[in-house]
Amino acid sequence: MFHYLLAFAGIGPTEFIVFGLIALLFFGTRLPKVARSFGQSISEFKKGLNEVKNDVSSELENDAAEKCPEEQTKNGEKTESDFQN
């Protein structure tokens, strides 16, 4: 998917090399630290996004269970009263 975004923006290998050289000029020896902190920021963002996704999913499941109590099951299996209906 990333290469589609690059094709849309018109960024090719030459532009990446120029970008890398400019980054090397600006950051110099700090470039590995900057890249590492950028990677850590991205991973923290993804963790937060997954937490929000899990919270929303659990809330939706809880709401569905409250609205349809007859569909609730015990330990993932139907109870005897479910079979009688």
C-alpha atoms as a PDB file:
ATOM      1  CA  MET A   1       0.000   0.000   0.000  1.00  0.00           C
ATOM      2  CA  PHE A   2       2.888   2.318   0.756  1.00  0.00           C
ATOM      3  CA  HIS A   3       4.133   2.190  -2.839  1.00  0.00           C
ATOM      4  CA  TYR A   4       0.716   3.327  -4.072  1.00  0.00           C
ATOM      5  CA  LEU A   5       0.971   6.427  -1.912  1.00  0.00           C
ATOM      6  CA  LEU A   6       4.437   7.123  -3.229  1.00  0.00           C
ATOM      7  CA  ALA A   7       3.283   6.723  -6.822  1.00  0.00           C
ATOM      8  CA  PHE A   8       0.442   9.128  -6.149  1.00  0.00           C
ATOM      9  CA  ALA A   9       2.819  11.705  -4.689  1.00  0.00           C
ATOM     10  CA  GLY A  10       5.312  11.235  -7.530  1.00  0.00           C
ATOM     11  CA  ILE A  11       8.167  10.235  -5.232  1.00  0.00           C
ATOM     12  CA  GLY A  12      10.757   7.985  -6.826  1.00  0.00           C
ATOM     13  CA  PRO A  13      14.114   6.540  -5.803  1.00  0.00           C
ATOM     14  CA  THR A  14      15.999   9.700  -6.752  1.00  0.00           C
ATOM     15  CA  GLU A  15      13.781  11.800  -4.498  1.00  0.00           C
ATOM     16  CA  PHE A  16      14.381   9.377  -1.628  1.00  0.00           C
ATOM     17  CA  ILE A  17      18.139   9.687  -2.048  1.00  0.00           C
ATOM     18  CA  VAL A  18      17.919  13.490  -2.072  1.00  0.00           C
ATOM     19  CA  PHE A  19      15.644  13.396   0.973  1.00  0.00           C
ATOM     20  CA  GLY A  20      18.108  11.111   2.779  1.00  0.00           C
ATOM     21  CA  LEU A  21      21.031  13.429   2.013  1.00  0.00           C
ATOM     22  CA  ILE A  22      19.102  16.462   3.261  1.00  0.00           C
ATOM     23  CA  ALA A  23      18.135  14.592   6.437  1.00  0.00           C
ATOM     24  CA  LEU A  24      21.784  13.624   6.923  1.00  0.00           C
ATOM     25  CA  LEU A  25      22.824  17.276   6.584  1.00  0.00           C
ATOM     26  CA  PHE A  26      20.225  18.496   9.083  1.00  0.00           C
ATOM     27  CA  PHE A  27      20.508  15.766  11.689  1.00  0.00           C
ATOM     28  CA  GLY A  28      24.034  14.443  11.114  1.00  0.00           C
ATOM     29  CA  THR A  29      25.060  12.037  13.844  1.00  0.00           C
ATOM     30  CA  ARG A  30      21.682  12.389  15.576  1.00  0.00           C
ATOM     31  CA  LEU A  31      19.883  10.760  12.647  1.00  0.00           C
ATOM     32  CA  PRO A  32      19.783   7.253  14.228  1.00  0.00           C
ATOM     33  CA  LYS A  33      18.303   8.702  17.439  1.00  0.00           C
ATOM     34  CA  VAL A  34      15.726  10.682  15.478  1.00  0.00           C
ATOM     35  CA  ALA A  35      14.757   7.616  13.426  1.00  0.00           C
ATOM     36  CA  ARG A  36      14.525   5.467  16.562  1.00  0.00           C
ATOM     37  CA  SER A  37      12.312   7.965  18.379  1.00  0.00           C
ATOM     38  CA  PHE A  38      10.142   8.314  15.276  1.00  0.00           C
ATOM     39  CA  GLY A  39       9.717   4.521  15.149  1.00  0.00           C
ATOM     40  CA  GLN A  40       8.852   4.403  18.851  1.00  0.00           C
ATOM     41  CA  SER A  41       6.282   7.148  18.348  1.00  0.00           C
ATOM     42  CA  ILE A  42       4.681   5.217  15.513  1.00  0.00           C
ATOM     43  CA  SER A  43       4.532   2.017  17.601  1.00  0.00           C
ATOM     44  CA  GLU A  44       2.999   3.888  20.575  1.00  0.00           C
ATOM     45  CA  PHE A  45       0.397   5.386  18.246  1.00  0.00           C
ATOM     46  CA  LYS A  46      -0.470   1.926  16.911  1.00  0.00           C
ATOM     47  CA  LYS A  47      -0.780   0.543  20.452  1.00  0.00           C
ATOM     48  CA  GLY A  48      -3.127   3.370  21.399  1.00  0.00           C
ATOM     49  CA  LEU A  49      -5.158   2.806  18.252  1.00  0.00           C
ATOM     50  CA  ASN A  50      -5.488  -0.906  19.054  1.00  0.00           C
ATOM     51  CA  GLU A  51      -6.581  -0.098  22.620  1.00  0.00           C
ATOM     52  CA  VAL A  52      -9.305   2.216  21.341  1.00  0.00           C
ATOM     53  CA  LYS A  53     -10.384  -0.409  18.810  1.00  0.00           C
ATOM     54  CA  ASN A  54     -10.604  -3.073  21.532  1.00  0.00           C
ATOM     55  CA  ASP A  55     -12.533  -0.733  23.849  1.00  0.00           C
ATOM     56  CA  VAL A  56     -15.051   0.091  21.135  1.00  0.00           C
ATOM     57  CA  SER A  57     -15.459  -3.586  20.232  1.00  0.00           C
ATOM     58  CA  SER A  58     -16.054  -4.605  23.846  1.00  0.00           C
ATOM     59  CA  GLU A  59     -18.567  -1.789  24.343  1.00  0.00           C
ATOM     60  CA  LEU A  60     -20.448  -2.834  21.210  1.00  0.00           C
ATOM     61  CA  GLU A  61     -20.529  -6.436  22.424  1.00  0.00           C
ATOM     62  CA  ASN A  62     -21.778  -5.330  25.853  1.00  0.00           C
ATOM     63  CA  ASP A  63     -24.505  -3.195  24.289  1.00  0.00           C
ATOM     64  CA  ALA A  64     -25.594  -6.061  22.051  1.00  0.00           C
ATOM     65  CA  ALA A  65     -25.707  -8.421  25.027  1.00  0.00           C
ATOM     66  CA  GLU A  66     -27.858  -5.996  27.024  1.00  0.00           C
ATOM     67  CA  LYS A  67     -30.304  -5.516  24.153  1.00  0.00           C
ATOM     68  CA  CYS A  68     -30.678  -9.252  23.457  1.00  0.00           C
ATOM     69  CA  PRO A  69     -30.533 -11.096  26.793  1.00  0.00           C
ATOM     70  CA  GLU A  70     -32.189 -14.174  25.302  1.00  0.00           C
ATOM     71  CA  GLU A  71     -29.141 -14.660  23.084  1.00  0.00           C
ATOM     72  CA  GLN A  72     -26.692 -14.630  25.972  1.00  0.00           C
ATOM     73  CA  THR A  73     -24.965 -17.922  26.487  1.00  0.00           C
ATOM     74  CA  LYS A  74     -23.167 -19.435  29.394  1.00  0.00           C
ATOM     75  CA  ASN A  75     -19.480 -20.257  28.748  1.00  0.00           C
ATOM     76  CA  GLY A  76     -20.034 -19.981  25.008  1.00  0.00           C
ATOM     77  CA  GLU A  77     -22.668 -22.742  24.974  1.00  0.00           C
ATOM     78  CA  LYS A  78     -26.433 -22.555  24.923  1.00  0.00           C
ATOM     79  CA  THR A  79     -28.195 -23.201  28.220  1.00  0.00           C
ATOM     80  CA  GLU A  80     -30.977 -25.760  28.660  1.00  0.00           C
ATOM     81  CA  SER A  81     -33.622 -23.038  28.624  1.00  0.00           C
ATOM     82  CA  ASP A  82     -32.361 -21.957  25.186  1.00  0.00           C
ATOM     83  CA  PHE A  83     -33.031 -25.434  23.824  1.00  0.00           C
ATOM     84  CA  GLN A  84     -36.557 -25.498  25.225  1.00  0.00           C
ATOM     85  CA  ASN A  85     -37.572 -22.313  23.358  1.00  0.00           C
END
